[in-house]
Amino acid sequence: FERRAVIGFSVPQDVPTEKLKKIPEHIRRIVGQIPGTRFDRAHLCELQDSGLRFEAVFYVLSPDYAAFMDRQQAALLALLDALRADGVPLAQPLRAVVIEGKSA
C-alpha cells in the first residue's frame, strides 16, 4: 500500500526561464533523498493570471498516515529551501475587493 502525495504551487510570471527549468529537477532530487518515497513527476502545468503553476507527484511507500505526513513535510520544507536559494518566491494570489457605498 502506498500513499500518493501531490504538491501544487505557483511562482511569479517574471521568474526567468532558466530558473523555471530547475524547479522540476529540484523536486526530483529532493524526493529521491527522502527514504521511503518514490518520485513520479514534476512539471510546469499551467499558465495562470497570478503565476506559473507547478505540480509534483510522489508516493510514500507506507500506509501509515503519520509517515506520509512526515515525508510530505520534509519534501515541502526542502522545496522551500531550494526555491529560496535560487531566489524564486512563491506567487501571491491576486485579489480585488470592490466596496460599494451609498452616495450622499
N, C-alpha and C. Protein backbone atom coordinates (compact mmCIF):
# COMPACT_ATOMS: atom_id res chain seq x y z
N PHE A 1 0.85 -1.19 0.00
CA PHE A 1 0.00 0.00 0.00
C PHE A 1 0.88 1.24 0.00
N GLU A 2 0.59 2.16 -0.89
CA GLU A 2 1.32 3.42 -0.99
C GLU A 2 0.33 4.58 -0.82
N ARG A 3 0.88 5.73 -0.47
CA ARG A 3 0.06 6.94 -0.41
C ARG A 3 0.62 7.93 -1.43
N ARG A 4 -0.28 8.53 -2.19
CA ARG A 4 0.10 9.48 -3.24
C ARG A 4 0.11 10.90 -2.68
N ALA A 5 1.20 11.60 -2.90
CA ALA A 5 1.32 13.00 -2.47
C ALA A 5 1.34 13.88 -3.71
N VAL A 6 0.55 14.93 -3.69
CA VAL A 6 0.52 15.90 -4.77
C VAL A 6 0.88 17.26 -4.18
N ILE A 7 1.89 17.88 -4.76
CA ILE A 7 2.31 19.21 -4.32
C ILE A 7 2.02 20.17 -5.46
N GLY A 8 1.23 21.18 -5.19
CA GLY A 8 0.94 22.21 -6.17
C GLY A 8 1.34 23.57 -5.63
N PHE A 9 1.94 24.37 -6.48
CA PHE A 9 2.36 25.72 -6.06
C PHE A 9 2.57 26.57 -7.30
N SER A 10 2.59 27.88 -7.10
CA SER A 10 2.81 28.81 -8.21
C SER A 10 3.95 29.75 -7.88
N VAL A 11 4.65 30.16 -8.93
CA VAL A 11 5.71 31.15 -8.82
C VAL A 11 5.34 32.32 -9.71
N PRO A 12 5.90 33.50 -9.46
CA PRO A 12 5.55 34.67 -10.28
C PRO A 12 5.90 34.48 -11.75
N GLN A 13 5.17 35.16 -12.61
CA GLN A 13 5.37 35.04 -14.05
C GLN A 13 6.71 35.58 -14.52
N ASP A 14 7.34 36.44 -13.74
CA ASP A 14 8.59 37.05 -14.19
C ASP A 14 9.84 36.26 -13.79
N VAL A 15 9.67 35.06 -13.25
CA VAL A 15 10.83 34.22 -12.92
C VAL A 15 11.49 33.81 -14.24
N PRO A 16 12.81 34.00 -14.36
CA PRO A 16 13.49 33.65 -15.61
C PRO A 16 13.34 32.16 -15.96
N THR A 17 13.27 31.89 -17.25
CA THR A 17 13.08 30.53 -17.75
C THR A 17 14.15 29.57 -17.23
N GLU A 18 15.38 30.04 -17.11
CA GLU A 18 16.46 29.18 -16.62
C GLU A 18 16.15 28.67 -15.21
N LYS A 19 15.58 29.52 -14.38
CA LYS A 19 15.21 29.11 -13.02
C LYS A 19 13.98 28.21 -13.02
N LEU A 20 13.04 28.47 -13.92
CA LEU A 20 11.85 27.63 -14.02
C LEU A 20 12.23 26.19 -14.39
N LYS A 21 13.18 26.04 -15.29
CA LYS A 21 13.61 24.71 -15.72
C LYS A 21 14.23 23.90 -14.58
N LYS A 22 14.79 24.58 -13.59
CA LYS A 22 15.44 23.90 -12.47
C LYS A 22 14.45 23.35 -11.45
N ILE A 23 13.25 23.90 -11.40
CA ILE A 23 12.30 23.53 -10.36
C ILE A 23 11.94 22.04 -10.40
N PRO A 24 11.55 21.46 -11.55
CA PRO A 24 11.28 20.02 -11.55
C PRO A 24 12.50 19.18 -11.16
N GLU A 25 13.69 19.63 -11.55
CA GLU A 25 14.92 18.93 -11.17
C GLU A 25 15.12 18.95 -9.65
N HIS A 26 14.86 20.10 -9.05
CA HIS A 26 14.96 20.21 -7.58
C HIS A 26 14.02 19.21 -6.90
N ILE A 27 12.79 19.15 -7.39
CA ILE A 27 11.80 18.27 -6.77
C ILE A 27 12.21 16.81 -6.91
N ARG A 28 12.69 16.43 -8.09
CA ARG A 28 13.15 15.05 -8.30
C ARG A 28 14.28 14.70 -7.33
N ARG A 29 15.22 15.62 -7.18
CA ARG A 29 16.35 15.39 -6.27
C ARG A 29 15.88 15.30 -4.82
N ILE A 30 15.00 16.21 -4.43
CA ILE A 30 14.50 16.26 -3.06
C ILE A 30 13.79 14.96 -2.70
N VAL A 31 12.86 14.55 -3.53
CA VAL A 31 12.10 13.32 -3.25
C VAL A 31 13.03 12.11 -3.24
N GLY A 32 14.00 12.10 -4.14
CA GLY A 32 14.96 10.99 -4.19
C GLY A 32 15.80 10.85 -2.94
N GLN A 33 15.92 11.94 -2.18
CA GLN A 33 16.73 11.91 -0.95
C GLN A 33 15.91 11.56 0.29
N ILE A 34 14.61 11.45 0.15
CA ILE A 34 13.75 11.13 1.29
C ILE A 34 13.50 9.62 1.30
N PRO A 35 13.96 8.93 2.34
CA PRO A 35 13.75 7.47 2.40
C PRO A 35 12.26 7.13 2.39
N GLY A 36 11.93 6.03 1.73
CA GLY A 36 10.55 5.56 1.73
C GLY A 36 9.65 6.29 0.78
N THR A 37 10.22 6.94 -0.26
CA THR A 37 9.42 7.65 -1.25
C THR A 37 9.80 7.18 -2.65
N ARG A 38 8.90 7.41 -3.58
CA ARG A 38 9.14 7.13 -5.00
C ARG A 38 8.65 8.31 -5.80
N PHE A 39 9.55 8.96 -6.53
CA PHE A 39 9.21 10.11 -7.37
C PHE A 39 8.39 9.64 -8.57
N ASP A 40 7.36 10.42 -8.93
CA ASP A 40 6.58 10.13 -10.13
C ASP A 40 6.82 11.19 -11.19
N ARG A 41 6.48 12.46 -10.88
CA ARG A 41 6.63 13.50 -11.90
C ARG A 41 6.63 14.88 -11.27
N ALA A 42 7.14 15.86 -12.02
CA ALA A 42 7.11 17.27 -11.64
C ALA A 42 7.12 18.09 -12.91
N HIS A 43 6.15 19.00 -13.04
CA HIS A 43 6.02 19.77 -14.28
C HIS A 43 5.48 21.17 -14.02
N LEU A 44 5.84 22.09 -14.91
CA LEU A 44 5.11 23.34 -15.05
C LEU A 44 3.83 22.94 -15.77
N CYS A 45 2.68 23.15 -15.16
CA CYS A 45 1.46 22.58 -15.71
C CYS A 45 0.42 23.61 -16.13
N GLU A 46 0.59 24.87 -15.73
CA GLU A 46 -0.46 25.82 -16.06
C GLU A 46 0.07 27.24 -16.01
N LEU A 47 -0.36 28.04 -16.99
CA LEU A 47 -0.06 29.47 -17.01
C LEU A 47 -1.29 30.18 -16.48
N GLN A 48 -1.16 30.81 -15.33
CA GLN A 48 -2.30 31.47 -14.69
C GLN A 48 -2.08 32.97 -14.64
N ASP A 49 -3.16 33.71 -14.43
CA ASP A 49 -3.04 35.16 -14.30
C ASP A 49 -2.15 35.55 -13.13
N SER A 50 -2.23 34.76 -12.04
CA SER A 50 -1.50 35.12 -10.82
C SER A 50 -0.13 34.45 -10.73
N GLY A 51 0.24 33.61 -11.70
CA GLY A 51 1.56 32.99 -11.64
C GLY A 51 1.65 31.76 -12.52
N LEU A 52 2.78 31.09 -12.43
CA LEU A 52 3.07 29.88 -13.19
C LEU A 52 2.91 28.70 -12.25
N ARG A 53 2.01 27.80 -12.57
CA ARG A 53 1.62 26.70 -11.67
C ARG A 53 2.45 25.44 -11.96
N PHE A 54 3.03 24.90 -10.88
CA PHE A 54 3.77 23.64 -10.93
C PHE A 54 2.98 22.59 -10.17
N GLU A 55 3.14 21.34 -10.61
CA GLU A 55 2.56 20.22 -9.88
C GLU A 55 3.58 19.09 -9.84
N ALA A 56 3.71 18.49 -8.66
CA ALA A 56 4.62 17.36 -8.47
C ALA A 56 3.86 16.24 -7.79
N VAL A 57 4.20 15.02 -8.15
CA VAL A 57 3.57 13.84 -7.56
C VAL A 57 4.67 12.87 -7.14
N PHE A 58 4.52 12.35 -5.92
CA PHE A 58 5.40 11.28 -5.46
C PHE A 58 4.59 10.35 -4.58
N TYR A 59 5.16 9.20 -4.30
CA TYR A 59 4.48 8.20 -3.48
C TYR A 59 5.28 7.94 -2.22
N VAL A 60 4.57 7.80 -1.12
CA VAL A 60 5.15 7.38 0.15
C VAL A 60 4.87 5.88 0.27
N LEU A 61 5.93 5.12 0.45
CA LEU A 61 5.85 3.66 0.39
C LEU A 61 5.46 3.05 1.73
N SER A 62 4.45 3.65 2.36
CA SER A 62 3.97 3.18 3.65
C SER A 62 2.50 3.54 3.76
N PRO A 63 1.70 2.68 4.37
CA PRO A 63 0.29 3.02 4.57
C PRO A 63 0.06 3.95 5.77
N ASP A 64 1.09 4.13 6.58
CA ASP A 64 0.97 4.91 7.81
C ASP A 64 0.81 6.41 7.48
N TYR A 65 -0.28 7.00 7.95
CA TYR A 65 -0.54 8.40 7.62
C TYR A 65 0.49 9.35 8.23
N ALA A 66 0.93 9.07 9.43
CA ALA A 66 1.95 9.92 10.06
C ALA A 66 3.25 9.89 9.26
N ALA A 67 3.62 8.72 8.77
CA ALA A 67 4.82 8.61 7.92
C ALA A 67 4.64 9.40 6.63
N PHE A 68 3.44 9.32 6.07
CA PHE A 68 3.12 10.09 4.87
C PHE A 68 3.31 11.58 5.13
N MET A 69 2.71 12.07 6.21
CA MET A 69 2.80 13.50 6.52
C MET A 69 4.23 13.93 6.81
N ASP A 70 5.00 13.09 7.50
CA ASP A 70 6.41 13.41 7.77
C ASP A 70 7.19 13.59 6.47
N ARG A 71 6.96 12.69 5.52
CA ARG A 71 7.70 12.75 4.26
C ARG A 71 7.21 13.90 3.37
N GLN A 72 5.92 14.14 3.38
CA GLN A 72 5.41 15.28 2.62
C GLN A 72 5.95 16.60 3.19
N GLN A 73 5.97 16.71 4.51
CA GLN A 73 6.51 17.91 5.14
C GLN A 73 7.99 18.07 4.81
N ALA A 74 8.75 17.00 4.85
CA ALA A 74 10.18 17.07 4.51
C ALA A 74 10.36 17.56 3.07
N ALA A 75 9.52 17.07 2.15
CA ALA A 75 9.61 17.50 0.75
C ALA A 75 9.26 18.98 0.61
N LEU A 76 8.21 19.42 1.29
CA LEU A 76 7.80 20.83 1.20
C LEU A 76 8.86 21.76 1.76
N LEU A 77 9.42 21.41 2.92
CA LEU A 77 10.44 22.27 3.52
C LEU A 77 11.70 22.33 2.65
N ALA A 78 12.10 21.20 2.10
CA ALA A 78 13.28 21.17 1.23
C ALA A 78 13.01 21.95 -0.06
N LEU A 79 11.78 21.87 -0.58
CA LEU A 79 11.43 22.63 -1.77
C LEU A 79 11.49 24.13 -1.48
N LEU A 80 10.95 24.55 -0.36
CA LEU A 80 11.04 25.97 0.01
C LEU A 80 12.49 26.43 0.10
N ASP A 81 13.34 25.62 0.72
CA ASP A 81 14.77 25.95 0.80
C ASP A 81 15.38 26.10 -0.59
N ALA A 82 15.07 25.17 -1.49
CA ALA A 82 15.63 25.20 -2.84
C ALA A 82 15.15 26.43 -3.61
N LEU A 83 13.86 26.73 -3.50
CA LEU A 83 13.33 27.92 -4.18
C LEU A 83 13.98 29.19 -3.63
N ARG A 84 14.08 29.28 -2.33
CA ARG A 84 14.70 30.47 -1.72
C ARG A 84 16.16 30.60 -2.11
N ALA A 85 16.87 29.49 -2.17
CA ALA A 85 18.29 29.51 -2.56
C ALA A 85 18.46 30.03 -3.99
N ASP A 86 17.48 29.75 -4.85
CA ASP A 86 17.51 30.23 -6.23
C ASP A 86 16.88 31.61 -6.40
N GLY A 87 16.39 32.18 -5.30
CA GLY A 87 15.77 33.49 -5.38
C GLY A 87 14.41 33.46 -6.07
N VAL A 88 13.70 32.35 -5.94
CA VAL A 88 12.38 32.20 -6.56
C VAL A 88 11.31 32.27 -5.48
N PRO A 89 10.51 33.34 -5.48
CA PRO A 89 9.44 33.44 -4.48
C PRO A 89 8.20 32.65 -4.92
N LEU A 90 7.34 32.37 -3.99
CA LEU A 90 6.04 31.82 -4.33
C LEU A 90 5.15 32.96 -4.79
N ALA A 91 4.27 32.68 -5.74
CA ALA A 91 3.37 33.71 -6.25
C ALA A 91 2.36 34.09 -5.18
N GLN A 92 2.00 35.34 -5.19
CA GLN A 92 0.96 35.83 -4.29
C GLN A 92 -0.34 35.92 -5.07
N PRO A 93 -1.42 35.43 -4.49
CA PRO A 93 -2.70 35.49 -5.21
C PRO A 93 -3.13 36.93 -5.44
N LEU A 94 -3.76 37.14 -6.58
CA LEU A 94 -4.29 38.46 -6.91
C LEU A 94 -5.74 38.51 -6.49
N ARG A 95 -6.06 39.49 -5.66
CA ARG A 95 -7.44 39.65 -5.22
C ARG A 95 -7.82 41.12 -5.32
N ALA A 96 -9.01 41.34 -5.76
CA ALA A 96 -9.54 42.70 -5.80
C ALA A 96 -10.79 42.74 -4.94
N VAL A 97 -10.87 43.75 -4.10
CA VAL A 97 -12.04 43.94 -3.25
C VAL A 97 -12.72 45.22 -3.71
N VAL A 98 -13.96 45.10 -4.06
CA VAL A 98 -14.73 46.25 -4.50
C VAL A 98 -15.75 46.57 -3.43
N ILE A 99 -15.69 47.79 -2.92
CA ILE A 99 -16.62 48.21 -1.87
C ILE A 99 -17.54 49.26 -2.48
N GLU A 100 -18.80 48.94 -2.46
CA GLU A 100 -19.79 49.87 -2.98
C GLU A 100 -20.46 50.58 -1.83
N GLY A 101 -20.55 51.85 -1.94
CA GLY A 101 -21.18 52.62 -0.87
C GLY A 101 -22.30 53.49 -1.41
N LYS A 102 -23.04 54.06 -0.48
CA LYS A 102 -24.11 54.97 -0.86
C LYS A 102 -23.53 56.33 -1.17
N SER A 103 -24.08 56.95 -2.15
CA SER A 103 -23.67 58.33 -2.42
C SER A 103 -24.63 59.25 -1.68
N ALA A 104 -24.12 60.41 -1.25
CA ALA A 104 -24.94 61.32 -0.46
C ALA A 104 -25.95 62.08 -1.22
